[in-house]
Amino acid sequence: MPKIFEYLGILIFFYSNEHEPIHVHAKMGEYESKAEFYLSNGLITEIRITNIKGVKSLRGSELKNFKIFLEHFADRIVEKWIDYFVYHKNVEFERINKKIK
């Protein structure tokens, strides 16, 4: 399970056996959500946050912080996903403790 970011206590990661569409999981405590990235001509055209069956979804300020994080780091998430699953490279973990405005 490659951990790629931590933002204000929210762990953002991939599972090792992921599938398309490109997506990332966000977990805080017992809550977890998934963000799917849709691309066209190499550009992100849409990000959808979805629930995971059988798991309580992020909510409130954690969900809001996850959305803000995605707005600022979507390109880097996609880059890390491609590096890990396509090129089989290790991806670096980054911790961000300052709130994005």
Protein backbone atom coordinates (compact mmCIF):
# COMPACT_ATOMS: atom_id res chain seq x y z
CA MET A 1 0.00 0.00 0.00
CA PRO A 2 2.03 2.99 -1.20
CA LYS A 3 1.34 6.01 0.97
CA ILE A 4 1.84 9.12 -1.14
CA PHE A 5 0.66 12.07 0.98
CA GLU A 6 -0.57 12.99 4.41
CA TYR A 7 -2.54 16.22 4.60
CA LEU A 8 -3.71 17.47 8.00
CA GLY A 9 -3.95 13.88 9.28
CA ILE A 10 -5.66 12.50 6.15
CA LEU A 11 -3.63 9.65 4.68
CA ILE A 12 -3.70 9.56 0.88
CA PHE A 13 -2.61 6.28 -0.71
CA PHE A 14 -2.98 3.62 -3.39
CA TYR A 15 -3.65 -0.05 -2.85
CA SER A 16 -0.97 -2.17 -4.52
CA ASN A 17 -3.42 -3.92 -6.85
CA GLU A 18 -5.23 -0.87 -8.24
CA HIS A 19 -7.14 -0.56 -11.50
CA GLU A 20 -8.31 2.22 -13.77
CA PRO A 21 -9.64 4.82 -13.67
CA ILE A 22 -6.71 6.47 -11.94
CA HIS A 23 -7.78 6.98 -8.35
CA VAL A 24 -6.51 7.55 -4.85
CA HIS A 25 -7.88 6.64 -1.41
CA ALA A 26 -8.08 9.03 1.52
CA LYS A 27 -8.42 7.72 5.06
CA MET A 28 -8.75 9.32 8.45
CA GLY A 29 -9.48 6.99 11.33
CA GLU A 30 -12.29 4.65 10.32
CA TYR A 31 -13.44 6.91 7.46
CA GLU A 32 -12.32 6.46 3.86
CA SER A 33 -13.26 7.90 0.47
CA LYS A 34 -11.89 7.54 -3.05
CA ALA A 35 -11.17 10.18 -5.70
CA GLU A 36 -11.25 9.11 -9.34
CA PHE A 37 -9.42 11.14 -12.00
CA TYR A 38 -10.69 11.34 -15.57
CA LEU A 39 -8.28 12.51 -18.25
CA SER A 40 -8.57 13.62 -21.85
CA ASN A 41 -5.47 14.28 -23.96
CA GLY A 42 -3.30 14.04 -20.84
CA LEU A 43 -5.27 16.66 -18.88
CA ILE A 44 -7.51 16.09 -15.88
CA THR A 45 -11.06 16.91 -16.95
CA GLU A 46 -12.93 15.69 -13.88
CA ILE A 47 -12.34 14.47 -10.34
CA ARG A 48 -15.10 12.43 -8.70
CA ILE A 49 -15.13 11.63 -5.01
CA THR A 50 -16.89 8.33 -4.43
CA ASN A 51 -17.86 6.20 -1.48
CA ILE A 52 -16.38 2.79 -0.81
CA LYS A 53 -18.87 0.00 -0.20
CA GLY A 54 -18.96 -1.11 3.41
CA VAL A 55 -16.80 1.77 4.70
CA LYS A 56 -17.85 5.03 6.33
CA SER A 57 -17.02 7.95 4.03
CA LEU A 58 -15.05 11.06 4.94
CA ARG A 59 -17.38 13.85 5.99
CA GLY A 60 -17.42 17.37 7.30
CA SER A 61 -14.10 19.18 7.54
CA GLU A 62 -12.10 16.09 6.53
CA LEU A 63 -14.05 15.79 3.26
CA LYS A 64 -13.66 19.53 2.65
CA ASN A 65 -9.90 19.34 3.32
CA PHE A 66 -9.61 16.35 0.96
CA LYS A 67 -11.39 18.29 -1.81
CA ILE A 68 -9.11 21.30 -1.32
CA PHE A 69 -6.08 19.01 -1.36
CA LEU A 70 -7.24 17.42 -4.63
CA GLU A 71 -7.63 20.84 -6.26
CA HIS A 72 -3.98 21.64 -5.56
CA PHE A 73 -2.30 18.25 -5.91
CA ALA A 74 -4.30 16.39 -8.58
CA ASP A 75 -1.52 16.52 -11.18
CA ARG A 76 1.05 15.17 -8.71
CA ILE A 77 -1.30 12.37 -7.65
CA VAL A 78 -1.80 11.30 -11.28
CA GLU A 79 1.96 11.52 -11.87
CA LYS A 80 2.64 9.29 -8.85
CA TRP A 81 -0.06 6.80 -9.96
CA ILE A 82 1.53 6.52 -13.42
CA ASP A 83 5.04 6.24 -11.98
CA TYR A 84 3.96 3.44 -9.63
CA PHE A 85 1.58 1.40 -11.78
CA VAL A 86 2.95 2.00 -15.30
CA TYR A 87 6.70 2.54 -14.77
CA HIS A 88 6.97 0.48 -11.54
CA LYS A 89 8.91 3.21 -9.77
CA ASN A 90 8.89 3.87 -6.08
CA VAL A 91 6.90 6.96 -5.14
CA GLU A 92 7.92 9.42 -2.48
CA PHE A 93 5.74 10.10 0.56
CA GLU A 94 5.06 13.76 1.34
CA ARG A 95 3.60 15.17 4.55
CA ILE A 96 1.83 18.52 4.35
CA ASN A 97 1.01 20.03 7.72
CA LYS A 98 0.04 23.55 6.66
CA LYS A 99 -3.54 24.18 5.63
CA ILE A 100 -3.96 25.03 1.94
CA LYS A 101 -5.95 28.20 1.39
